[in-house]
């Protein structure tokens, strides 16, 4: 899952306080729930983290828009009550990314480079681009403006 400020996704972070004895059950419960709802419109992805001391589980999820997330909550909001059996406290909030730093050469930066390279290769194979004309009613853009956050 790529953290990005592009396209302004909604970030949902849910902190569960639990006990070392209940942590694994909570994780399994959350994974089952995610498998049931992963095809919801606007759901982009999630990452589940466990604390090494066994007292917390953190869910980090991205949604395409606040409207998509609100629709999800209307359909499944009551389902969140089930997590109370394995969590003493549940603290959900939505967030927006306000700062992002990534060290050059990091795994994510390398993945970004690979995506850019794949996109440039794909574009270089396009007969329209080879001939210098826009593709099917599109506009011709300089390749320098292609970014790693393009989804293809």
C-alpha atoms as a PDB file:
ATOM      1  CA  UNK A   1       0.000   0.000   0.000  1.00  0.00           C
ATOM      2  CA  UNK A   2       1.494   3.300  -1.085  1.00  0.00           C
ATOM      3  CA  UNK A   3       1.015   6.328   1.165  1.00  0.00           C
ATOM      4  CA  UNK A   4       0.342   9.354  -0.996  1.00  0.00           C
ATOM      5  CA  UNK A   5      -0.866  12.933  -0.867  1.00  0.00           C
ATOM      6  CA  UNK A   6      -2.028  12.638  -4.482  1.00  0.00           C
ATOM      7  CA  UNK A   7      -5.791  12.430  -5.148  1.00  0.00           C
ATOM      8  CA  UNK A   8      -6.488  13.177  -1.449  1.00  0.00           C
ATOM      9  CA  UNK A   9      -7.484   9.698  -0.255  1.00  0.00           C
ATOM     10  CA  UNK A  10      -9.215   9.364   3.115  1.00  0.00           C
ATOM     11  CA  UNK A  11      -6.999   7.663   5.666  1.00  0.00           C
ATOM     12  CA  UNK A  12      -8.799   5.740   8.393  1.00  0.00           C
ATOM     13  CA  UNK A  13      -6.735   4.745  11.417  1.00  0.00           C
ATOM     14  CA  UNK A  14      -8.333   2.579  14.050  1.00  0.00           C
ATOM     15  CA  UNK A  15      -6.432   1.878  17.264  1.00  0.00           C
ATOM     16  CA  UNK A  16      -7.585  -1.116  19.284  1.00  0.00           C
ATOM     17  CA  UNK A  17      -6.405  -1.540  22.872  1.00  0.00           C
ATOM     18  CA  UNK A  18      -6.331  -5.219  23.759  1.00  0.00           C
ATOM     19  CA  UNK A  19      -4.484  -7.742  25.906  1.00  0.00           C
ATOM     20  CA  UNK A  20      -1.667 -10.045  24.843  1.00  0.00           C
ATOM     21  CA  UNK A  21      -4.100 -12.958  25.293  1.00  0.00           C
ATOM     22  CA  UNK A  22      -6.706 -11.388  22.957  1.00  0.00           C
ATOM     23  CA  UNK A  23      -4.468  -9.771  20.369  1.00  0.00           C
ATOM     24  CA  UNK A  24      -4.334 -12.714  17.942  1.00  0.00           C
ATOM     25  CA  UNK A  25      -8.109 -13.268  18.117  1.00  0.00           C
ATOM     26  CA  UNK A  26      -8.650  -9.567  17.339  1.00  0.00           C
ATOM     27  CA  UNK A  27      -6.286  -9.750  14.368  1.00  0.00           C
ATOM     28  CA  UNK A  28      -8.022 -12.835  12.979  1.00  0.00           C
ATOM     29  CA  UNK A  29     -11.420 -11.190  13.491  1.00  0.00           C
ATOM     30  CA  UNK A  30     -10.305  -8.026  11.657  1.00  0.00           C
ATOM     31  CA  UNK A  31      -8.855 -10.021   8.759  1.00  0.00           C
ATOM     32  CA  UNK A  32     -12.148 -11.953   8.350  1.00  0.00           C
ATOM     33  CA  UNK A  33     -14.072  -8.661   8.394  1.00  0.00           C
ATOM     34  CA  UNK A  34     -11.735  -7.124   5.801  1.00  0.00           C
ATOM     35  CA  UNK A  35     -12.110 -10.151   3.529  1.00  0.00           C
ATOM     36  CA  UNK A  36     -15.891  -9.688   3.673  1.00  0.00           C
ATOM     37  CA  UNK A  37     -15.826  -5.971   2.793  1.00  0.00           C
ATOM     38  CA  UNK A  38     -12.739  -5.617   0.586  1.00  0.00           C
ATOM     39  CA  UNK A  39     -14.804  -5.143  -2.579  1.00  0.00           C
ATOM     40  CA  UNK A  40     -16.707  -2.149  -1.184  1.00  0.00           C
ATOM     41  CA  UNK A  41     -16.745   0.796  -3.629  1.00  0.00           C
ATOM     42  CA  UNK A  42     -13.891   3.175  -2.905  1.00  0.00           C
ATOM     43  CA  UNK A  43     -11.928   0.851  -0.612  1.00  0.00           C
ATOM     44  CA  UNK A  44      -8.283   1.113  -1.698  1.00  0.00           C
ATOM     45  CA  UNK A  45      -6.426  -1.015   0.830  1.00  0.00           C
ATOM     46  CA  UNK A  46      -5.493  -1.641   4.417  1.00  0.00           C
ATOM     47  CA  UNK A  47      -2.520  -2.524   6.592  1.00  0.00           C
ATOM     48  CA  UNK A  48      -2.890  -4.136   9.987  1.00  0.00           C
ATOM     49  CA  UNK A  49      -0.188  -3.648  12.625  1.00  0.00           C
ATOM     50  CA  UNK A  50       0.284  -5.403  15.968  1.00  0.00           C
ATOM     51  CA  UNK A  51       2.268  -3.987  18.853  1.00  0.00           C
ATOM     52  CA  UNK A  52       5.125  -6.152  19.995  1.00  0.00           C
ATOM     53  CA  UNK A  53       3.921  -6.004  23.611  1.00  0.00           C
ATOM     54  CA  UNK A  54       0.508  -7.445  22.630  1.00  0.00           C
ATOM     55  CA  UNK A  55      -1.551  -4.478  23.870  1.00  0.00           C
ATOM     56  CA  UNK A  56      -2.533  -2.777  20.609  1.00  0.00           C
ATOM     57  CA  UNK A  57      -3.634  -3.467  17.055  1.00  0.00           C
ATOM     58  CA  UNK A  58      -3.715  -0.636  14.543  1.00  0.00           C
ATOM     59  CA  UNK A  59      -5.638  -0.705  11.288  1.00  0.00           C
ATOM     60  CA  UNK A  60      -4.510   1.763   8.621  1.00  0.00           C
ATOM     61  CA  UNK A  61      -6.859   1.958   5.618  1.00  0.00           C
ATOM     62  CA  UNK A  62      -7.272   4.151   2.544  1.00  0.00           C
ATOM     63  CA  UNK A  63     -10.557   5.133   0.940  1.00  0.00           C
ATOM     64  CA  UNK A  64     -10.974   6.940  -2.372  1.00  0.00           C
ATOM     65  CA  UNK A  65     -13.220   9.623  -0.869  1.00  0.00           C
ATOM     66  CA  UNK A  66     -15.056  10.674   2.255  1.00  0.00           C
ATOM     67  CA  UNK A  67     -18.343   9.867   0.489  1.00  0.00           C
ATOM     68  CA  UNK A  68     -17.183   6.273  -0.149  1.00  0.00           C
ATOM     69  CA  UNK A  69     -16.113   5.908   3.472  1.00  0.00           C
ATOM     70  CA  UNK A  70     -19.412   7.372   4.740  1.00  0.00           C
ATOM     71  CA  UNK A  71     -21.383   4.925   2.563  1.00  0.00           C
ATOM     72  CA  UNK A  72     -19.299   2.065   3.970  1.00  0.00           C
ATOM     73  CA  UNK A  73     -19.995   3.223   7.540  1.00  0.00           C
ATOM     74  CA  UNK A  74     -23.753   3.366   6.878  1.00  0.00           C
ATOM     75  CA  UNK A  75     -23.684  -0.240   5.650  1.00  0.00           C
ATOM     76  CA  UNK A  76     -21.204  -1.711   8.117  1.00  0.00           C
ATOM     77  CA  UNK A  77     -20.901   0.704  11.052  1.00  0.00           C
ATOM     78  CA  UNK A  78     -22.843  -1.598  13.359  1.00  0.00           C
ATOM     79  CA  UNK A  79     -20.401  -4.402  12.530  1.00  0.00           C
ATOM     80  CA  UNK A  80     -17.674  -2.556  14.441  1.00  0.00           C
ATOM     81  CA  UNK A  81     -19.376  -3.440  17.739  1.00  0.00           C
ATOM     82  CA  UNK A  82     -18.189  -7.062  17.317  1.00  0.00           C
ATOM     83  CA  UNK A  83     -14.593  -5.975  17.897  1.00  0.00           C
ATOM     84  CA  UNK A  84     -15.414  -4.972  21.461  1.00  0.00           C
ATOM     85  CA  UNK A  85     -15.212  -8.610  22.531  1.00  0.00           C
ATOM     86  CA  UNK A  86     -11.430  -8.604  21.906  1.00  0.00           C
ATOM     87  CA  UNK A  87     -10.646  -4.927  22.512  1.00  0.00           C
ATOM     88  CA  UNK A  88     -10.975  -2.930  25.727  1.00  0.00           C
ATOM     89  CA  UNK A  89     -11.003   0.362  23.779  1.00  0.00           C
ATOM     90  CA  UNK A  90     -11.499   1.229  20.104  1.00  0.00           C
ATOM     91  CA  UNK A  91     -10.333   4.636  18.841  1.00  0.00           C
ATOM     92  CA  UNK A  92     -11.250   5.262  15.155  1.00  0.00           C
ATOM     93  CA  UNK A  93     -10.477   8.502  13.284  1.00  0.00           C
ATOM     94  CA  UNK A  94     -10.070   9.701   9.710  1.00  0.00           C
ATOM     95  CA  UNK A  95      -6.908  11.570   8.744  1.00  0.00           C
ATOM     96  CA  UNK A  96      -5.271  13.299   5.818  1.00  0.00           C
ATOM     97  CA  UNK A  97      -1.602  13.069   4.900  1.00  0.00           C
ATOM     98  CA  UNK A  98       0.050  16.433   5.590  1.00  0.00           C
ATOM     99  CA  UNK A  99       3.717  15.476   5.256  1.00  0.00           C
ATOM    100  CA  UNK A 100       5.457  12.626   3.533  1.00  0.00           C
ATOM    101  CA  UNK A 101       9.186  11.872   3.468  1.00  0.00           C
ATOM    102  CA  UNK A 102      10.796   8.913   1.804  1.00  0.00           C
ATOM    103  CA  UNK A 103      14.519   8.233   1.735  1.00  0.00           C
ATOM    104  CA  UNK A 104      15.958   7.924  -1.772  1.00  0.00           C
ATOM    105  CA  UNK A 105      16.787   4.297  -2.493  1.00  0.00           C
ATOM    106  CA  UNK A 106      14.150   2.953  -0.105  1.00  0.00           C
ATOM    107  CA  UNK A 107      12.008   0.009  -1.138  1.00  0.00           C
ATOM    108  CA  UNK A 108       9.025   2.258  -1.914  1.00  0.00           C
ATOM    109  CA  UNK A 109      11.224   4.618  -3.935  1.00  0.00           C
ATOM    110  CA  UNK A 110      12.554   1.640  -5.908  1.00  0.00           C
ATOM    111  CA  UNK A 111       8.970   0.444  -6.488  1.00  0.00           C
ATOM    112  CA  UNK A 112       8.085   3.937  -7.708  1.00  0.00           C
ATOM    113  CA  UNK A 113      11.032   3.875 -10.120  1.00  0.00           C
ATOM    114  CA  UNK A 114       9.952   0.457 -11.434  1.00  0.00           C
ATOM    115  CA  UNK A 115       6.395   1.703 -12.028  1.00  0.00           C
ATOM    116  CA  UNK A 116       7.707   4.751 -13.875  1.00  0.00           C
ATOM    117  CA  UNK A 117       9.952   2.552 -15.995  1.00  0.00           C
ATOM    118  CA  UNK A 118       7.062   0.170 -16.809  1.00  0.00           C
ATOM    119  CA  UNK A 119       4.801   3.072 -17.744  1.00  0.00           C
ATOM    120  CA  UNK A 120       7.441   4.664 -19.950  1.00  0.00           C
ATOM    121  CA  UNK A 121       8.036   1.290 -21.647  1.00  0.00           C
ATOM    122  CA  UNK A 122       4.284   0.879 -22.220  1.00  0.00           C
ATOM    123  CA  UNK A 123       4.036   4.378 -23.653  1.00  0.00           C
ATOM    124  CA  UNK A 124       7.075   3.841 -25.879  1.00  0.00           C
ATOM    125  CA  UNK A 125       5.326   0.819 -27.452  1.00  0.00           C
ATOM    126  CA  UNK A 126       2.272   2.855 -28.415  1.00  0.00           C
ATOM    127  CA  UNK A 127       2.175   3.387 -32.182  1.00  0.00           C
ATOM    128  CA  UNK A 128       0.463   6.747 -31.685  1.00  0.00           C
ATOM    129  CA  UNK A 129       3.310   7.987 -29.511  1.00  0.00           C
ATOM    130  CA  UNK A 130       5.948   6.616 -31.871  1.00  0.00           C
ATOM    131  CA  UNK A 131       4.325   8.583 -34.672  1.00  0.00           C
ATOM    132  CA  UNK A 132       4.022  11.704 -32.506  1.00  0.00           C
ATOM    133  CA  UNK A 133       0.234  11.886 -32.503  1.00  0.00           C
ATOM    134  CA  UNK A 134      -2.181  11.752 -29.576  1.00  0.00           C
ATOM    135  CA  UNK A 135      -3.771   8.425 -28.697  1.00  0.00           C
ATOM    136  CA  UNK A 136      -7.453   8.064 -29.638  1.00  0.00           C
ATOM    137  CA  UNK A 137      -8.696  11.594 -29.028  1.00  0.00           C
ATOM    138  CA  UNK A 138      -6.290  12.209 -26.173  1.00  0.00           C
ATOM    139  CA  UNK A 139      -3.666  14.871 -25.909  1.00  0.00           C
ATOM    140  CA  UNK A 140       0.049  14.457 -26.342  1.00  0.00           C
ATOM    141  CA  UNK A 141       1.861  15.041 -23.045  1.00  0.00           C
ATOM    142  CA  UNK A 142       5.612  15.245 -22.582  1.00  0.00           C
ATOM    143  CA  UNK A 143       6.846  12.102 -20.845  1.00  0.00           C
ATOM    144  CA  UNK A 144       8.542  14.229 -18.202  1.00  0.00           C
ATOM    145  CA  UNK A 145       5.149  14.863 -16.634  1.00  0.00           C
ATOM    146  CA  UNK A 146       4.356  11.190 -16.066  1.00  0.00           C
ATOM    147  CA  UNK A 147       4.571  10.508 -12.329  1.00  0.00           C
ATOM    148  CA  UNK A 148       4.834   7.417 -10.199  1.00  0.00           C
ATOM    149  CA  UNK A 149       1.360   8.021  -8.833  1.00  0.00           C
ATOM    150  CA  UNK A 150      -0.273   7.340 -12.201  1.00  0.00           C
ATOM    151  CA  UNK A 151      -2.386   4.217 -11.908  1.00  0.00           C
ATOM    152  CA  UNK A 152      -2.137   1.876 -14.844  1.00  0.00           C
END
